[in-house]
C-alpha cells in the first residue's frame, strides 16, 4: 500500500513538481490550493503526511498546522513545512512551537526532499545524516573550534 501525501500550496508549478516527484517514487498524492482547502482535505482524505506551504491565501500554513495539531483525528499526521521562508525564527516556530515534523526550504534538493519525507513516514528507519546536514555541522564545529582556539591564544 502506497503512502498518501497531501500537498498544500497555492503555487501550481510547485504542486506539479512535488506531485511528479512523489508519484515517481510510488506515493499517492492529493493536493489543495489554499490552507482552508488543505485543512478540509486533511480531515476527509486522512493522508499519511502533509506537505504544507506557509504563505497562502484564505488560511496560512501556520494556522492550518495549529488546527491539525488541535484535532485528535489529525494530530498524529506528520506535517512537513515546504516553504520559501528560511528565517530561523520561522523554522523554530513551526517545528518547536507548533509541532511540524520537519521544514524544507524552497527551492529544495530532490534527494534531501525525499529523504525527509521517508524519515517522516518511517521514523524508526531514520536515514543516515545527509550530506548537507553533515557539511553544516562540520562548518559549525570548525567555527566553534576556531573561536575556542582564538580565546585560548589571548
N, C-alpha and C. Protein backbone atom coordinates (compact mmCIF):
# COMPACT_ATOMS: atom_id res chain seq x y z
N UNK A 1 0.84 -1.19 0.00
CA UNK A 1 0.00 0.00 0.00
C UNK A 1 0.88 1.25 0.00
N UNK A 2 0.62 2.15 -0.92
CA UNK A 2 1.41 3.38 -1.03
C UNK A 2 0.96 4.39 0.03
N UNK A 3 1.93 5.16 0.51
CA UNK A 3 1.60 6.26 1.42
C UNK A 3 0.86 7.34 0.66
N UNK A 4 -0.11 7.98 1.34
CA UNK A 4 -0.84 9.09 0.75
C UNK A 4 -0.28 10.39 1.32
N UNK A 5 0.11 11.30 0.41
CA UNK A 5 0.68 12.58 0.81
C UNK A 5 -0.23 13.70 0.32
N UNK A 6 -0.57 14.61 1.22
CA UNK A 6 -1.35 15.80 0.88
C UNK A 6 -0.40 16.97 0.69
N UNK A 7 -0.43 17.56 -0.50
CA UNK A 7 0.41 18.72 -0.83
C UNK A 7 -0.49 19.95 -0.80
N UNK A 8 -0.15 20.92 0.08
CA UNK A 8 -0.96 22.13 0.21
C UNK A 8 -0.08 23.32 -0.15
N UNK A 9 -0.34 23.88 -1.34
CA UNK A 9 0.46 25.01 -1.82
C UNK A 9 -0.36 25.77 -2.86
N UNK A 10 -0.26 27.08 -2.86
CA UNK A 10 -1.04 27.90 -3.79
C UNK A 10 -0.31 28.15 -5.11
N UNK A 11 0.91 27.64 -5.24
CA UNK A 11 1.66 27.81 -6.49
C UNK A 11 1.53 26.54 -7.33
N UNK A 12 0.77 26.61 -8.45
CA UNK A 12 0.53 25.42 -9.28
C UNK A 12 1.80 24.72 -9.75
N UNK A 13 2.84 25.48 -10.08
CA UNK A 13 4.08 24.86 -10.55
C UNK A 13 4.76 24.04 -9.45
N UNK A 14 4.69 24.53 -8.22
CA UNK A 14 5.27 23.78 -7.09
C UNK A 14 4.47 22.49 -6.88
N UNK A 15 3.15 22.60 -6.92
CA UNK A 15 2.30 21.42 -6.73
C UNK A 15 2.62 20.38 -7.80
N UNK A 16 2.73 20.79 -9.06
CA UNK A 16 3.03 19.85 -10.15
C UNK A 16 4.39 19.20 -9.95
N UNK A 17 5.39 19.98 -9.58
CA UNK A 17 6.73 19.46 -9.35
C UNK A 17 6.72 18.43 -8.21
N UNK A 18 6.13 18.80 -7.09
CA UNK A 18 6.09 17.91 -5.93
C UNK A 18 5.29 16.65 -6.25
N UNK A 19 4.14 16.82 -6.90
CA UNK A 19 3.32 15.66 -7.28
C UNK A 19 4.11 14.70 -8.16
N UNK A 20 4.80 15.23 -9.16
CA UNK A 20 5.54 14.35 -10.08
C UNK A 20 6.67 13.62 -9.35
N UNK A 21 7.38 14.31 -8.46
CA UNK A 21 8.46 13.67 -7.69
C UNK A 21 7.90 12.55 -6.81
N UNK A 22 6.79 12.85 -6.13
CA UNK A 22 6.21 11.86 -5.23
C UNK A 22 5.64 10.67 -5.98
N UNK A 23 4.89 10.93 -7.05
CA UNK A 23 4.30 9.84 -7.83
C UNK A 23 5.38 8.96 -8.44
N UNK A 24 6.47 9.58 -8.89
CA UNK A 24 7.58 8.80 -9.47
C UNK A 24 8.24 7.89 -8.43
N UNK A 25 8.03 8.23 -7.16
CA UNK A 25 8.61 7.43 -6.08
C UNK A 25 7.56 6.57 -5.37
N UNK A 26 6.40 6.39 -6.02
CA UNK A 26 5.41 5.45 -5.53
C UNK A 26 4.40 5.96 -4.52
N UNK A 27 4.33 7.26 -4.32
CA UNK A 27 3.37 7.82 -3.37
C UNK A 27 2.06 8.15 -4.07
N UNK A 28 0.94 8.04 -3.33
CA UNK A 28 -0.34 8.57 -3.78
C UNK A 28 -0.36 10.03 -3.37
N UNK A 29 -0.85 10.91 -4.23
CA UNK A 29 -0.81 12.34 -3.94
C UNK A 29 -2.19 12.97 -4.07
N UNK A 30 -2.52 13.79 -3.08
CA UNK A 30 -3.73 14.61 -3.08
C UNK A 30 -3.23 16.03 -2.92
N UNK A 31 -3.89 17.01 -3.57
CA UNK A 31 -3.41 18.38 -3.43
C UNK A 31 -4.53 19.34 -3.08
N UNK A 32 -4.12 20.47 -2.52
CA UNK A 32 -5.04 21.55 -2.17
C UNK A 32 -4.35 22.87 -2.52
N UNK A 33 -5.15 23.87 -2.94
CA UNK A 33 -4.58 25.12 -3.43
C UNK A 33 -4.56 26.25 -2.40
N UNK A 34 -5.10 26.01 -1.22
CA UNK A 34 -5.03 27.01 -0.16
C UNK A 34 -5.16 26.31 1.19
N UNK A 35 -4.93 27.06 2.25
CA UNK A 35 -4.93 26.47 3.58
C UNK A 35 -6.28 25.90 4.01
N UNK A 36 -7.33 26.62 3.71
CA UNK A 36 -8.67 26.17 4.09
C UNK A 36 -9.00 24.83 3.42
N UNK A 37 -8.74 24.74 2.13
CA UNK A 37 -8.98 23.50 1.39
C UNK A 37 -8.05 22.39 1.90
N UNK A 38 -6.83 22.74 2.24
CA UNK A 38 -5.88 21.76 2.76
C UNK A 38 -6.35 21.17 4.08
N UNK A 39 -6.88 22.01 4.96
CA UNK A 39 -7.40 21.53 6.24
C UNK A 39 -8.57 20.58 6.02
N UNK A 40 -9.48 20.95 5.13
CA UNK A 40 -10.62 20.08 4.81
C UNK A 40 -10.16 18.73 4.27
N UNK A 41 -9.20 18.75 3.34
CA UNK A 41 -8.71 17.51 2.74
C UNK A 41 -7.95 16.65 3.76
N UNK A 42 -7.23 17.29 4.66
CA UNK A 42 -6.53 16.52 5.70
C UNK A 42 -7.55 15.77 6.55
N UNK A 43 -8.67 16.41 6.83
CA UNK A 43 -9.70 15.78 7.67
C UNK A 43 -10.47 14.70 6.92
N UNK A 44 -10.70 14.88 5.63
CA UNK A 44 -11.51 13.90 4.88
C UNK A 44 -10.68 12.81 4.21
N UNK A 45 -9.49 13.15 3.73
CA UNK A 45 -8.66 12.19 2.99
C UNK A 45 -7.76 11.34 3.88
N UNK A 46 -7.53 11.79 5.11
CA UNK A 46 -6.68 11.07 6.07
C UNK A 46 -5.32 10.69 5.46
N UNK A 47 -4.53 11.69 5.05
CA UNK A 47 -3.22 11.39 4.45
C UNK A 47 -2.25 10.85 5.51
N UNK A 48 -1.20 10.22 5.03
CA UNK A 48 -0.14 9.73 5.91
C UNK A 48 0.86 10.84 6.23
N UNK A 49 0.87 11.89 5.39
CA UNK A 49 1.80 13.01 5.54
C UNK A 49 1.20 14.24 4.86
N UNK A 50 1.46 15.41 5.44
CA UNK A 50 1.05 16.68 4.83
C UNK A 50 2.30 17.50 4.54
N UNK A 51 2.42 17.98 3.30
CA UNK A 51 3.45 18.95 2.92
C UNK A 51 2.73 20.29 2.83
N UNK A 52 3.15 21.26 3.63
CA UNK A 52 2.37 22.46 3.84
C UNK A 52 3.18 23.74 3.64
N UNK A 53 2.73 24.56 2.69
CA UNK A 53 3.33 25.88 2.47
C UNK A 53 2.88 26.80 3.60
N UNK A 54 3.63 27.84 3.87
CA UNK A 54 3.24 28.80 4.92
C UNK A 54 2.44 29.94 4.33
N UNK A 55 2.94 30.56 3.27
CA UNK A 55 2.29 31.76 2.73
C UNK A 55 1.25 31.37 1.67
N UNK A 56 -0.03 31.38 2.11
CA UNK A 56 -1.13 31.02 1.21
C UNK A 56 -2.35 31.89 1.50
N UNK A 57 -3.25 31.98 0.52
CA UNK A 57 -4.48 32.75 0.73
C UNK A 57 -5.48 31.97 1.60
N UNK A 58 -6.45 32.68 2.10
CA UNK A 58 -7.57 32.17 2.89
C UNK A 58 -7.17 31.69 4.28
N UNK A 59 -6.11 30.93 4.39
CA UNK A 59 -5.64 30.44 5.69
C UNK A 59 -4.17 30.07 5.50
N UNK A 60 -3.28 30.71 6.25
CA UNK A 60 -1.86 30.42 6.05
C UNK A 60 -1.48 29.08 6.66
N UNK A 61 -0.31 28.60 6.31
CA UNK A 61 0.14 27.28 6.75
C UNK A 61 0.29 27.13 8.24
N UNK A 62 0.71 28.19 8.93
CA UNK A 62 0.83 28.11 10.38
C UNK A 62 -0.54 27.89 11.02
N UNK A 63 -1.56 28.59 10.52
CA UNK A 63 -2.92 28.42 11.04
C UNK A 63 -3.43 27.00 10.77
N UNK A 64 -3.13 26.47 9.60
CA UNK A 64 -3.52 25.10 9.27
C UNK A 64 -2.82 24.12 10.22
N UNK A 65 -1.53 24.31 10.43
CA UNK A 65 -0.77 23.44 11.31
C UNK A 65 -1.35 23.44 12.72
N UNK A 66 -1.68 24.62 13.22
CA UNK A 66 -2.29 24.73 14.55
C UNK A 66 -3.59 23.93 14.63
N UNK A 67 -4.43 24.08 13.60
CA UNK A 67 -5.71 23.36 13.58
C UNK A 67 -5.50 21.85 13.48
N UNK A 68 -4.55 21.43 12.66
CA UNK A 68 -4.26 19.99 12.52
C UNK A 68 -3.80 19.39 13.85
N UNK A 69 -2.98 20.11 14.57
CA UNK A 69 -2.42 19.60 15.83
C UNK A 69 -3.43 19.69 16.98
N UNK A 70 -4.46 20.52 16.86
CA UNK A 70 -5.52 20.61 17.89
C UNK A 70 -6.54 19.49 17.75
N UNK A 71 -6.72 18.96 16.56
CA UNK A 71 -7.75 17.96 16.28
C UNK A 71 -7.18 16.56 16.54
N UNK A 72 -7.77 15.79 17.47
CA UNK A 72 -7.26 14.44 17.76
C UNK A 72 -7.21 13.53 16.52
N UNK A 73 -8.08 13.77 15.54
CA UNK A 73 -8.10 12.93 14.34
C UNK A 73 -6.92 13.21 13.41
N UNK A 74 -6.42 14.44 13.42
CA UNK A 74 -5.32 14.80 12.51
C UNK A 74 -4.00 15.05 13.24
N UNK A 75 -4.01 15.13 14.54
CA UNK A 75 -2.81 15.44 15.32
C UNK A 75 -1.64 14.50 15.03
N UNK A 76 -1.89 13.18 14.87
CA UNK A 76 -0.74 12.29 14.64
C UNK A 76 -0.13 12.37 13.23
N UNK A 77 -0.80 13.02 12.30
CA UNK A 77 -0.28 13.10 10.93
C UNK A 77 0.98 13.97 10.91
N UNK A 78 2.10 13.43 10.42
CA UNK A 78 3.30 14.26 10.32
C UNK A 78 3.08 15.38 9.29
N UNK A 79 3.60 16.56 9.62
CA UNK A 79 3.47 17.72 8.73
C UNK A 79 4.87 18.27 8.48
N UNK A 80 5.23 18.37 7.21
CA UNK A 80 6.49 18.99 6.83
C UNK A 80 6.15 20.32 6.17
N UNK A 81 6.71 21.39 6.70
CA UNK A 81 6.53 22.70 6.10
C UNK A 81 7.41 22.77 4.86
N UNK A 82 6.83 23.17 3.75
CA UNK A 82 7.53 23.27 2.47
C UNK A 82 7.35 24.71 2.01
N UNK A 83 8.35 25.56 2.25
CA UNK A 83 8.16 26.99 2.09
C UNK A 83 9.41 27.72 1.66
N UNK A 84 9.22 28.91 1.14
CA UNK A 84 10.35 29.76 0.77
C UNK A 84 10.89 30.52 1.98
N UNK A 85 10.15 30.53 3.08
CA UNK A 85 10.59 31.25 4.29
C UNK A 85 11.73 30.46 4.93
N UNK A 86 12.89 31.12 5.04
CA UNK A 86 14.05 30.41 5.56
C UNK A 86 14.65 31.05 6.81
N UNK A 87 13.93 31.97 7.40
CA UNK A 87 14.39 32.61 8.62
C UNK A 87 14.37 31.61 9.78
N UNK A 88 15.40 31.63 10.60
CA UNK A 88 15.50 30.69 11.72
C UNK A 88 14.29 30.80 12.65
N UNK A 89 13.76 32.01 12.84
CA UNK A 89 12.59 32.17 13.70
C UNK A 89 11.37 31.43 13.16
N UNK A 90 11.22 31.42 11.84
CA UNK A 90 10.10 30.69 11.22
C UNK A 90 10.25 29.19 11.44
N UNK A 91 11.47 28.70 11.28
CA UNK A 91 11.73 27.27 11.46
C UNK A 91 11.46 26.86 12.90
N UNK A 92 12.00 27.62 13.84
CA UNK A 92 11.79 27.31 15.26
C UNK A 92 10.32 27.35 15.60
N UNK A 93 9.63 28.37 15.14
CA UNK A 93 8.19 28.50 15.44
C UNK A 93 7.42 27.29 14.92
N UNK A 94 7.63 26.92 13.67
CA UNK A 94 6.87 25.81 13.08
C UNK A 94 7.22 24.46 13.69
N UNK A 95 8.50 24.18 13.83
CA UNK A 95 8.92 22.85 14.30
C UNK A 95 8.81 22.73 15.81
N UNK A 96 9.37 23.67 16.55
CA UNK A 96 9.40 23.53 18.00
C UNK A 96 8.13 24.02 18.68
N UNK A 97 7.57 25.12 18.21
CA UNK A 97 6.41 25.68 18.88
C UNK A 97 5.08 25.10 18.40
N UNK A 98 4.96 24.86 17.09
CA UNK A 98 3.67 24.45 16.53
C UNK A 98 3.57 22.96 16.22
N UNK A 99 4.67 22.24 16.25
CA UNK A 99 4.61 20.79 16.11
C UNK A 99 4.84 20.20 14.73
N UNK A 100 5.38 20.98 13.80
CA UNK A 100 5.71 20.41 12.49
C UNK A 100 6.80 19.35 12.68
N UNK A 101 6.79 18.35 11.83
CA UNK A 101 7.77 17.27 11.89
C UNK A 101 9.12 17.71 11.33
N UNK A 102 9.07 18.53 10.28
CA UNK A 102 10.29 18.98 9.63
C UNK A 102 9.99 20.23 8.82
N UNK A 103 11.01 20.76 8.17
CA UNK A 103 10.92 22.03 7.47
C UNK A 103 11.82 21.95 6.25
N UNK A 104 11.25 22.17 5.07
CA UNK A 104 12.03 22.15 3.83
C UNK A 104 11.90 23.52 3.17
N UNK A 105 13.04 24.09 2.82
CA UNK A 105 13.05 25.41 2.19
C UNK A 105 13.08 25.24 0.67
N UNK A 106 12.19 25.99 -0.01
CA UNK A 106 12.17 26.02 -1.48
C UNK A 106 13.21 27.02 -1.95
N UNK A 107 13.89 26.79 -3.02
CA UNK A 107 13.89 25.57 -3.81
C UNK A 107 14.63 24.47 -3.05
N UNK A 108 14.20 23.25 -3.22
CA UNK A 108 14.77 22.14 -2.47
C UNK A 108 15.58 21.22 -3.38
N UNK A 109 16.44 20.44 -2.75
CA UNK A 109 17.22 19.42 -3.46
C UNK A 109 16.39 18.15 -3.42
N UNK A 110 16.16 17.53 -4.58
CA UNK A 110 15.25 16.38 -4.69
C UNK A 110 15.61 15.26 -3.72
N UNK A 111 16.86 14.90 -3.63
CA UNK A 111 17.27 13.81 -2.74
C UNK A 111 16.98 14.12 -1.29
N UNK A 112 17.28 15.32 -0.89
CA UNK A 112 17.03 15.73 0.50
C UNK A 112 15.54 15.78 0.79
N UNK A 113 14.77 16.26 -0.17
CA UNK A 113 13.31 16.32 -0.07
C UNK A 113 12.75 14.92 0.18
N UNK A 114 13.14 13.96 -0.63
CA UNK A 114 12.64 12.59 -0.49
C UNK A 114 13.14 11.94 0.80
N UNK A 115 14.34 12.23 1.20
CA UNK A 115 14.87 11.67 2.45
C UNK A 115 14.04 12.14 3.63
N UNK A 116 13.72 13.42 3.67
CA UNK A 116 12.94 13.96 4.79
C UNK A 116 11.53 13.37 4.81
N UNK A 117 10.95 13.15 3.65
CA UNK A 117 9.63 12.53 3.57
C UNK A 117 9.71 11.09 4.08
N UNK A 118 10.70 10.35 3.65
CA UNK A 118 10.86 8.97 4.11
C UNK A 118 11.05 8.89 5.62
N UNK A 119 11.85 9.78 6.18
CA UNK A 119 12.07 9.80 7.63
C UNK A 119 10.78 10.14 8.36
N UNK A 120 10.01 11.09 7.85
CA UNK A 120 8.75 11.48 8.50
C UNK A 120 7.74 10.34 8.48
N UNK A 121 7.74 9.57 7.41
CA UNK A 121 6.78 8.47 7.29
C UNK A 121 7.22 7.21 8.02
N UNK A 122 8.51 7.01 8.17
CA UNK A 122 9.03 5.82 8.84
C UNK A 122 10.18 6.21 9.77
N UNK A 123 9.88 6.94 10.86
CA UNK A 123 10.95 7.44 11.73
C UNK A 123 11.81 6.34 12.35
N UNK A 124 11.26 5.13 12.49
CA UNK A 124 12.04 4.03 13.05
C UNK A 124 13.16 3.60 12.11
N UNK A 125 13.06 3.99 10.84
CA UNK A 125 14.09 3.66 9.86
C UNK A 125 14.84 4.93 9.47
N UNK A 126 15.18 5.72 10.46
CA UNK A 126 15.80 7.03 10.22
C UNK A 126 17.00 6.89 9.29
N UNK A 127 16.98 7.70 8.27
CA UNK A 127 18.06 7.70 7.29
C UNK A 127 19.33 8.26 7.91
N UNK A 128 20.47 7.87 7.39
CA UNK A 128 21.72 8.43 7.90
C UNK A 128 21.78 9.93 7.65
N UNK A 129 22.62 10.59 8.40
CA UNK A 129 22.78 12.03 8.28
C UNK A 129 23.03 12.42 6.82
N UNK A 130 22.35 13.44 6.35
CA UNK A 130 22.52 13.86 4.97
C UNK A 130 23.84 14.59 4.77
N UNK A 131 24.25 14.67 3.54
CA UNK A 131 25.49 15.37 3.21
C UNK A 131 25.37 16.84 3.60
N UNK A 132 24.21 17.44 3.32
CA UNK A 132 24.00 18.86 3.64
C UNK A 132 24.11 19.07 5.15
N UNK A 133 23.44 18.21 5.94
CA UNK A 133 23.49 18.35 7.40
C UNK A 133 24.91 18.15 7.91
N UNK A 134 25.61 17.15 7.34
CA UNK A 134 26.98 16.88 7.78
C UNK A 134 27.89 18.08 7.48
N UNK A 135 27.78 18.65 6.28
CA UNK A 135 28.60 19.81 5.93
C UNK A 135 28.28 20.99 6.85
N UNK A 136 27.01 21.19 7.15
CA UNK A 136 26.62 22.28 8.03
C UNK A 136 27.21 22.07 9.42
N UNK A 137 27.09 20.86 9.95
CA UNK A 137 27.63 20.56 11.28
C UNK A 137 29.15 20.70 11.29
N UNK A 138 29.82 20.25 10.22
CA UNK A 138 31.27 20.39 10.15
C UNK A 138 31.67 21.86 10.17
N UNK A 139 30.93 22.69 9.44
CA UNK A 139 31.21 24.12 9.41
C UNK A 139 31.02 24.74 10.79
N UNK A 140 29.93 24.39 11.45
CA UNK A 140 29.66 24.91 12.81
C UNK A 140 30.77 24.46 13.75
N UNK A 141 31.14 23.18 13.66
CA UNK A 141 32.19 22.65 14.54
C UNK A 141 33.51 23.40 14.30
N UNK A 142 33.85 23.65 13.04
CA UNK A 142 35.08 24.38 12.73
C UNK A 142 35.05 25.79 13.32
N UNK A 143 33.91 26.45 13.21
CA UNK A 143 33.80 27.80 13.76
C UNK A 143 33.94 27.81 15.28
N UNK A 144 33.36 26.82 15.92
CA UNK A 144 33.46 26.73 17.38
C UNK A 144 34.90 26.47 17.79
N UNK A 145 35.54 25.51 17.09
CA UNK A 145 36.95 25.21 17.41
C UNK A 145 37.84 26.45 17.22
N UNK A 146 37.61 27.18 16.13
CA UNK A 146 38.40 28.40 15.87
C UNK A 146 38.19 29.43 16.97
N UNK A 147 36.93 29.62 17.37
CA UNK A 147 36.63 30.59 18.42
C UNK A 147 37.30 30.19 19.74
N UNK A 148 37.28 28.89 20.05
CA UNK A 148 37.92 28.41 21.28
C UNK A 148 39.44 28.57 21.20
N UNK A 149 40.02 28.26 20.03
CA UNK A 149 41.47 28.43 19.86
C UNK A 149 41.85 29.90 19.97
N UNK A 150 41.06 30.78 19.37
CA UNK A 150 41.33 32.22 19.45
C UNK A 150 41.27 32.69 20.91
N UNK A 151 40.31 32.17 21.64
CA UNK A 151 40.14 32.56 23.04
C UNK A 151 41.34 32.08 23.87
N UNK A 152 41.83 30.86 23.61
CA UNK A 152 42.99 30.31 24.33
C UNK A 152 44.25 31.12 24.01
N UNK A 153 44.36 31.58 22.77
CA UNK A 153 45.55 32.31 22.32
C UNK A 153 45.65 33.71 22.91
N UNK A 154 44.60 34.19 23.50
CA UNK A 154 44.62 35.56 24.06
C UNK A 154 45.21 35.60 25.41
